[in-house]
């Protein structure tokens, strides 16, 4: 069964920030083989902070999806198959969804929604990628909606995938999946691993512990 058959046709891209998907950062291409040589560095997680208004309103419209209970943090064990599946999802969404601002799409400044009509902005891309991976059996606790400031200093949303090999970013502005340290973004806040309705501030990176517990 292909990825297209797993979800409705969707759209995801921050239209105001990217009219087209770039081919990577500084010509660097990340593959499963190459990431094994990357240092394992996790971003520091700070105190709870306010959830984005878009998420709050999303939870009103999609209430059952947000009616969750606190759970134990879980990381993906990054096998070659897991990497390949993550790349498939990222590529399919980036190639399928057409960028459109919320104002053009819905007539409002901010709205988080699944891009089931084939159009959306950055948060909609993230929501679709997250949904596809969850439907493929990936744990919600490892798929974290994340708010950043991009290379222009503008607000942007990406999906952080938390693995035993570090944290990887699925982004509609970049065609390659990259370690978070390679994005050039300023990381602001994201969902807590234990509760998607709790958001935490993000700070300076920290090195991986000597032994990483992958669940």
Protein backbone atom coordinates (compact mmCIF):
# COMPACT_ATOMS: atom_id res chain seq x y z
CA UNK A 1 0.00 0.00 0.00
CA UNK A 2 1.48 3.34 -1.03
CA UNK A 3 1.58 6.48 1.07
CA UNK A 4 -1.05 8.06 -1.18
CA UNK A 5 -3.56 5.40 -0.20
CA UNK A 6 -2.97 5.91 3.53
CA UNK A 7 -4.23 9.48 3.72
CA UNK A 8 -6.36 11.89 1.79
CA UNK A 9 -4.56 14.09 -0.66
CA UNK A 10 -3.16 16.97 1.34
CA UNK A 11 -1.16 20.15 1.04
CA UNK A 12 1.53 21.59 3.27
CA UNK A 13 3.87 24.55 2.90
CA UNK A 14 4.45 27.91 4.48
CA UNK A 15 3.53 29.77 1.33
CA UNK A 16 4.67 33.12 2.61
CA UNK A 17 8.10 31.67 3.34
CA UNK A 18 8.78 29.28 0.49
CA UNK A 19 7.41 29.23 -3.02
CA UNK A 20 9.45 26.16 -3.85
CA UNK A 21 11.32 23.46 -1.96
CA UNK A 22 15.08 23.87 -1.90
CA UNK A 23 17.54 21.04 -2.51
CA UNK A 24 19.21 21.05 0.89
CA UNK A 25 21.64 23.11 2.94
CA UNK A 26 24.99 24.06 1.44
CA UNK A 27 24.88 21.10 -0.92
CA UNK A 28 24.91 18.67 2.02
CA UNK A 29 22.91 15.51 1.55
CA UNK A 30 21.92 13.37 4.50
CA UNK A 31 21.39 9.63 4.13
CA UNK A 32 21.08 6.88 6.69
CA UNK A 33 24.75 6.05 6.17
CA UNK A 34 25.88 9.64 6.63
CA UNK A 35 23.92 10.30 9.82
CA UNK A 36 25.74 7.49 11.61
CA UNK A 37 28.78 9.79 11.61
CA UNK A 38 26.89 12.77 13.02
CA UNK A 39 27.35 13.57 16.73
CA UNK A 40 24.23 12.79 18.73
CA UNK A 41 23.12 16.10 20.20
CA UNK A 42 19.71 16.84 21.65
CA UNK A 43 18.22 20.28 22.13
CA UNK A 44 17.71 21.35 25.73
CA UNK A 45 14.07 21.34 26.81
CA UNK A 46 13.00 24.11 29.16
CA UNK A 47 9.92 25.08 31.10
CA UNK A 48 6.32 24.71 29.95
CA UNK A 49 5.15 27.58 27.79
CA UNK A 50 1.98 28.71 26.05
CA UNK A 51 0.77 26.58 23.16
CA UNK A 52 0.44 28.36 19.79
CA UNK A 53 -3.06 29.71 19.23
CA UNK A 54 -3.21 27.64 16.06
CA UNK A 55 -2.83 24.43 18.06
CA UNK A 56 -5.42 25.53 20.61
CA UNK A 57 -7.95 26.22 17.86
CA UNK A 58 -7.01 23.01 16.04
CA UNK A 59 -7.90 21.11 19.21
CA UNK A 60 -11.35 22.68 19.20
CA UNK A 61 -12.00 21.57 15.62
CA UNK A 62 -10.30 18.18 15.98
CA UNK A 63 -11.15 17.58 19.62
CA UNK A 64 -10.81 13.76 19.63
CA UNK A 65 -7.21 14.03 18.41
CA UNK A 66 -6.26 16.21 21.37
CA UNK A 67 -8.07 14.23 24.05
CA UNK A 68 -4.96 12.38 25.17
CA UNK A 69 -3.49 11.43 28.51
CA UNK A 70 0.10 11.98 29.67
CA UNK A 71 2.33 9.13 28.56
CA UNK A 72 5.94 7.99 28.76
CA UNK A 73 8.38 9.64 26.36
CA UNK A 74 9.36 7.36 23.50
CA UNK A 75 12.11 7.72 20.88
CA UNK A 76 12.23 6.04 17.49
CA UNK A 77 15.00 3.52 16.98
CA UNK A 78 16.41 4.81 13.71
CA UNK A 79 16.85 1.74 11.53
CA UNK A 80 17.41 1.88 7.75
CA UNK A 81 13.71 1.07 7.24
CA UNK A 82 12.59 3.78 9.64
CA UNK A 83 14.77 6.31 7.82
CA UNK A 84 13.42 5.21 4.43
CA UNK A 85 9.81 5.48 5.63
CA UNK A 86 10.45 8.93 7.07
CA UNK A 87 11.96 10.08 3.77
CA UNK A 88 8.98 8.68 1.83
CA UNK A 89 6.49 10.58 3.95
CA UNK A 90 8.47 13.81 3.85
CA UNK A 91 8.93 13.66 0.08
CA UNK A 92 5.34 12.70 -0.64
CA UNK A 93 3.86 15.55 1.39
CA UNK A 94 6.33 18.14 0.11
CA UNK A 95 5.73 17.07 -3.49
CA UNK A 96 1.94 16.78 -3.21
CA UNK A 97 0.81 19.76 -1.17
CA UNK A 98 0.73 23.18 -2.82
CA UNK A 99 1.65 26.25 -0.74
CA UNK A 100 -1.14 28.64 0.16
CA UNK A 101 -1.33 31.14 3.01
CA UNK A 102 -4.13 30.92 5.55
CA UNK A 103 -5.44 34.28 4.38
CA UNK A 104 -5.66 33.05 0.79
CA UNK A 105 -7.00 29.67 1.87
CA UNK A 106 -9.41 30.49 4.67
CA UNK A 107 -9.57 34.28 4.86
CA UNK A 108 -7.96 34.34 8.31
CA UNK A 109 -4.43 35.12 9.49
CA UNK A 110 -3.83 31.81 11.26
CA UNK A 111 -5.52 28.43 11.00
CA UNK A 112 -4.02 24.98 11.55
CA UNK A 113 -5.78 22.36 9.50
CA UNK A 114 -5.16 19.15 7.58
CA UNK A 115 -4.47 20.02 3.94
CA UNK A 116 -6.99 17.51 2.63
CA UNK A 117 -7.88 19.75 -0.31
CA UNK A 118 -4.25 19.77 -1.45
CA UNK A 119 -3.33 23.24 -0.17
CA UNK A 120 -1.86 24.56 3.04
CA UNK A 121 0.88 26.39 4.87
CA UNK A 122 3.73 25.13 7.05
CA UNK A 123 1.67 23.97 10.03
CA UNK A 124 -0.61 22.00 7.71
CA UNK A 125 2.38 20.17 6.22
CA UNK A 126 3.51 19.26 9.72
CA UNK A 127 0.08 18.00 10.73
CA UNK A 128 -0.15 15.78 7.66
CA UNK A 129 3.33 14.30 8.07
CA UNK A 130 2.62 13.64 11.73
CA UNK A 131 -0.69 11.96 10.92
CA UNK A 132 0.83 9.76 8.20
CA UNK A 133 3.63 8.55 10.44
CA UNK A 134 1.26 7.87 13.32
CA UNK A 135 -1.02 5.87 11.03
CA UNK A 136 2.05 3.90 9.98
CA UNK A 137 2.55 2.94 13.63
CA UNK A 138 5.07 5.54 14.80
CA UNK A 139 4.59 6.71 18.41
CA UNK A 140 3.06 10.14 18.89
CA UNK A 141 5.58 10.81 21.64
CA UNK A 142 8.41 10.92 19.07
CA UNK A 143 6.62 13.22 16.58
CA UNK A 144 6.70 16.77 17.90
CA UNK A 145 5.25 19.86 16.24
CA UNK A 146 7.91 22.53 16.64
CA UNK A 147 7.94 26.31 16.27
CA UNK A 148 11.14 27.92 14.98
CA UNK A 149 12.44 31.11 13.49
CA UNK A 150 13.73 30.39 10.02
CA UNK A 151 16.80 31.79 8.27
CA UNK A 152 14.90 35.01 7.53
CA UNK A 153 13.84 35.38 11.15
CA UNK A 154 10.22 34.57 10.34
CA UNK A 155 8.01 32.23 12.34
CA UNK A 156 7.84 28.72 10.89
CA UNK A 157 6.67 25.23 11.88
CA UNK A 158 8.48 21.94 11.37
CA UNK A 159 8.12 18.37 12.58
CA UNK A 160 10.81 17.11 14.96
CA UNK A 161 11.28 13.34 14.95
CA UNK A 162 12.99 12.24 18.17
CA UNK A 163 15.23 9.21 17.66
CA UNK A 164 18.03 7.36 19.42
CA UNK A 165 20.35 8.98 16.84
CA UNK A 166 19.26 12.53 17.58
CA UNK A 167 16.45 14.82 16.49
CA UNK A 168 15.62 15.15 12.81
CA UNK A 169 13.59 17.86 11.10
CA UNK A 170 10.91 17.33 8.46
CA UNK A 171 10.43 20.66 6.75
CA UNK A 172 8.57 21.96 3.71
CA UNK A 173 11.27 24.57 3.09
CA UNK A 174 13.95 21.90 2.63
CA UNK A 175 13.79 18.73 0.57
CA UNK A 176 16.31 16.91 2.78
CA UNK A 177 15.65 15.58 6.26
CA UNK A 178 18.41 17.01 8.44
CA UNK A 179 19.62 16.89 12.04
CA UNK A 180 18.18 19.89 13.86
CA UNK A 181 21.69 21.30 14.31
CA UNK A 182 22.09 21.65 10.52
CA UNK A 183 18.92 23.63 9.79
CA UNK A 184 20.16 27.10 10.70
CA UNK A 185 16.89 27.70 12.56
CA UNK A 186 16.34 29.17 16.01
CA UNK A 187 14.25 26.67 17.94
CA UNK A 188 11.55 28.32 20.06
CA UNK A 189 9.15 25.73 21.45
CA UNK A 190 7.56 22.36 20.74
CA UNK A 191 5.15 19.79 22.07
CA UNK A 192 6.20 17.85 25.13
CA UNK A 193 6.96 14.20 24.48
CA UNK A 194 4.72 13.17 27.34
CA UNK A 195 1.72 15.34 26.43
CA UNK A 196 1.02 16.93 23.01
CA UNK A 197 -1.14 19.58 24.67
CA UNK A 198 1.77 20.76 26.81
CA UNK A 199 4.35 22.91 25.04
CA UNK A 200 7.89 23.47 26.27
CA UNK A 201 10.46 26.17 25.54
CA UNK A 202 13.63 25.10 23.76
CA UNK A 203 17.16 26.19 24.60
CA UNK A 204 20.81 25.38 24.06
CA UNK A 205 21.83 21.90 22.90
CA UNK A 206 23.03 19.16 25.16
CA UNK A 207 25.18 16.16 24.32
CA UNK A 208 23.65 12.71 24.26
CA UNK A 209 24.11 10.62 27.42
CA UNK A 210 26.67 7.80 27.23
CA UNK A 211 23.84 5.32 26.74
CA UNK A 212 20.67 6.35 24.93
CA UNK A 213 17.57 4.49 25.92
CA UNK A 214 15.57 3.91 22.74
CA UNK A 215 11.99 2.89 23.30
